[in-house]
Amino acid sequence: MKAIIALLLLAALQTRAGEPVILYARLLDSLGVSLPDGAKWEVRKGDCFPVVAYRESHTKLILQLASNGFYIPASKAEIVEDKDVPAAMTSYRASVNKYLDSYSARWRENAEAARNK
């Protein structure tokens, strides 16, 4: 009982410190994924993404790319160790920047095509 109380207190202290716990996954293989906004995205081996959730008895991961979530088999990724989180964050930021650039380009193309009709 004392151990449980100690763990709860430790969790409360960490929460008050304001440090969110974010797990990152590093891809072990390159994969093509479909995003909810209709984009097809190629994620490459070594890319890192925040883990949103595990699904189907931990056989699938939901990873985040900007405001989109996508599924991958859990066997295609590994959880990044704490010491490697800064590098994972850098990798993720690069992926988000590429995604946003491509999203903007697609939006512009669609807007110009609609205007020219």
Protein backbone atom coordinates (compact mmCIF):
# COMPACT_ATOMS: atom_id res chain seq x y z
CA MET A 1 0.00 0.00 0.00
CA LYS A 2 2.83 2.40 0.87
CA ALA A 3 4.48 1.66 -2.48
CA ILE A 4 1.29 2.57 -4.36
CA ILE A 5 0.96 5.84 -2.45
CA ALA A 6 4.61 6.65 -3.16
CA LEU A 7 4.08 6.01 -6.89
CA LEU A 8 0.98 8.21 -6.95
CA LEU A 9 2.86 11.03 -5.20
CA LEU A 10 5.74 10.70 -7.64
CA ALA A 11 3.31 10.87 -10.58
CA ALA A 12 1.63 13.94 -9.07
CA LEU A 13 4.98 15.68 -8.63
CA GLN A 14 5.94 15.00 -12.22
CA THR A 15 2.58 16.29 -13.44
CA ARG A 16 2.99 19.51 -11.44
CA ALA A 17 6.40 20.05 -12.93
CA GLY A 18 4.60 20.47 -16.24
CA GLU A 19 6.70 18.00 -18.15
CA PRO A 20 4.47 16.11 -20.58
CA VAL A 21 5.47 12.54 -21.23
CA ILE A 22 5.76 12.04 -24.97
CA LEU A 23 6.93 8.77 -26.41
CA TYR A 24 8.57 8.82 -29.82
CA ALA A 25 8.77 5.86 -32.17
CA ARG A 26 11.57 5.36 -34.69
CA LEU A 27 10.61 3.53 -37.88
CA LEU A 28 12.50 0.36 -38.65
CA ASP A 29 11.33 0.25 -42.28
CA SER A 30 10.12 2.69 -44.92
CA LEU A 31 6.35 2.66 -45.36
CA GLY A 32 3.67 4.40 -47.36
CA VAL A 33 0.85 5.72 -45.19
CA SER A 34 -2.48 7.38 -45.88
CA LEU A 35 -3.32 10.42 -43.79
CA PRO A 36 -6.88 11.43 -42.83
CA ASP A 37 -6.62 14.58 -44.99
CA GLY A 38 -6.25 12.36 -48.07
CA ALA A 39 -2.49 12.77 -48.46
CA LYS A 40 -0.29 9.79 -49.22
CA TRP A 41 2.95 10.07 -47.27
CA GLU A 42 6.18 8.12 -47.49
CA VAL A 43 7.73 7.67 -44.05
CA ARG A 44 11.32 6.52 -44.17
CA LYS A 45 13.35 4.18 -42.04
CA GLY A 46 14.78 6.19 -39.14
CA ASP A 47 12.03 8.86 -39.12
CA CYS A 48 10.59 9.56 -35.68
CA PHE A 49 7.02 10.43 -34.72
CA PRO A 50 5.16 10.93 -31.43
CA VAL A 51 3.15 7.91 -30.30
CA VAL A 52 -0.52 8.75 -29.82
CA ALA A 53 -1.73 5.28 -28.82
CA TYR A 54 -1.34 1.53 -29.11
CA ARG A 55 -4.21 -0.42 -30.69
CA GLU A 56 -5.32 -3.99 -31.19
CA SER A 57 -3.42 -5.58 -28.30
CA HIS A 58 -0.31 -3.50 -28.97
CA THR A 59 0.05 -4.79 -32.54
CA LYS A 60 -0.54 -1.34 -34.10
CA LEU A 61 0.73 2.11 -33.24
CA ILE A 62 -1.01 5.37 -33.96
CA LEU A 63 1.64 7.96 -34.74
CA GLN A 64 1.23 11.68 -35.24
CA LEU A 65 2.25 13.86 -38.18
CA ALA A 66 1.19 17.47 -37.55
CA SER A 67 -2.58 17.26 -36.88
CA ASN A 68 -2.93 13.82 -38.51
CA GLY A 69 -2.68 10.40 -36.97
CA PHE A 70 -1.75 7.27 -38.90
CA TYR A 71 -1.50 3.56 -38.12
CA ILE A 72 1.56 1.38 -38.57
CA PRO A 73 2.29 -2.17 -37.42
CA ALA A 74 4.04 -2.03 -34.04
CA SER A 75 6.68 -4.40 -35.39
CA LYS A 76 7.80 -1.67 -37.83
CA ALA A 77 8.89 0.74 -35.08
CA GLU A 78 10.77 0.94 -31.81
CA ILE A 79 10.22 3.30 -28.90
CA VAL A 80 13.01 5.88 -28.66
CA GLU A 81 15.03 5.86 -25.45
CA ASP A 82 15.00 9.00 -23.28
CA LYS A 83 18.58 9.90 -24.21
CA ASP A 84 17.65 9.93 -27.92
CA VAL A 85 14.49 12.08 -27.60
CA PRO A 86 16.19 15.35 -28.69
CA ALA A 87 17.27 13.71 -31.97
CA ALA A 88 13.78 12.22 -32.38
CA MET A 89 12.23 15.67 -31.93
CA THR A 90 14.55 17.09 -34.60
CA SER A 91 13.58 14.28 -36.99
CA TYR A 92 9.89 14.87 -36.28
CA ARG A 93 10.16 18.63 -36.87
CA ALA A 94 11.79 17.99 -40.25
CA SER A 95 8.93 15.64 -41.20
CA VAL A 96 6.31 18.18 -40.10
CA ASN A 97 8.00 20.93 -42.14
CA LYS A 98 8.03 18.72 -45.26
CA TYR A 99 4.39 17.80 -44.70
CA LEU A 100 3.31 21.42 -44.26
CA ASP A 101 5.22 22.49 -47.36
CA SER A 102 3.55 19.77 -49.45
CA TYR A 103 0.13 20.55 -47.93
CA SER A 104 0.52 24.22 -48.86
CA ALA A 105 1.56 23.31 -52.40
CA ARG A 106 -1.47 21.00 -52.81
CA TRP A 107 -3.78 23.71 -51.47
CA ARG A 108 -2.35 26.28 -53.88
CA GLU A 109 -2.73 23.90 -56.85
CA ASN A 110 -6.35 23.17 -55.91
CA ALA A 111 -7.13 26.87 -55.43
CA GLU A 112 -5.63 27.77 -58.82
CA ALA A 113 -7.44 24.91 -60.55
CA ALA A 114 -10.75 26.04 -59.01
CA ARG A 115 -10.11 29.63 -60.07
CA ASN A 116 -9.32 28.62 -63.66
CA LYS A 117 -12.58 26.69 -64.09
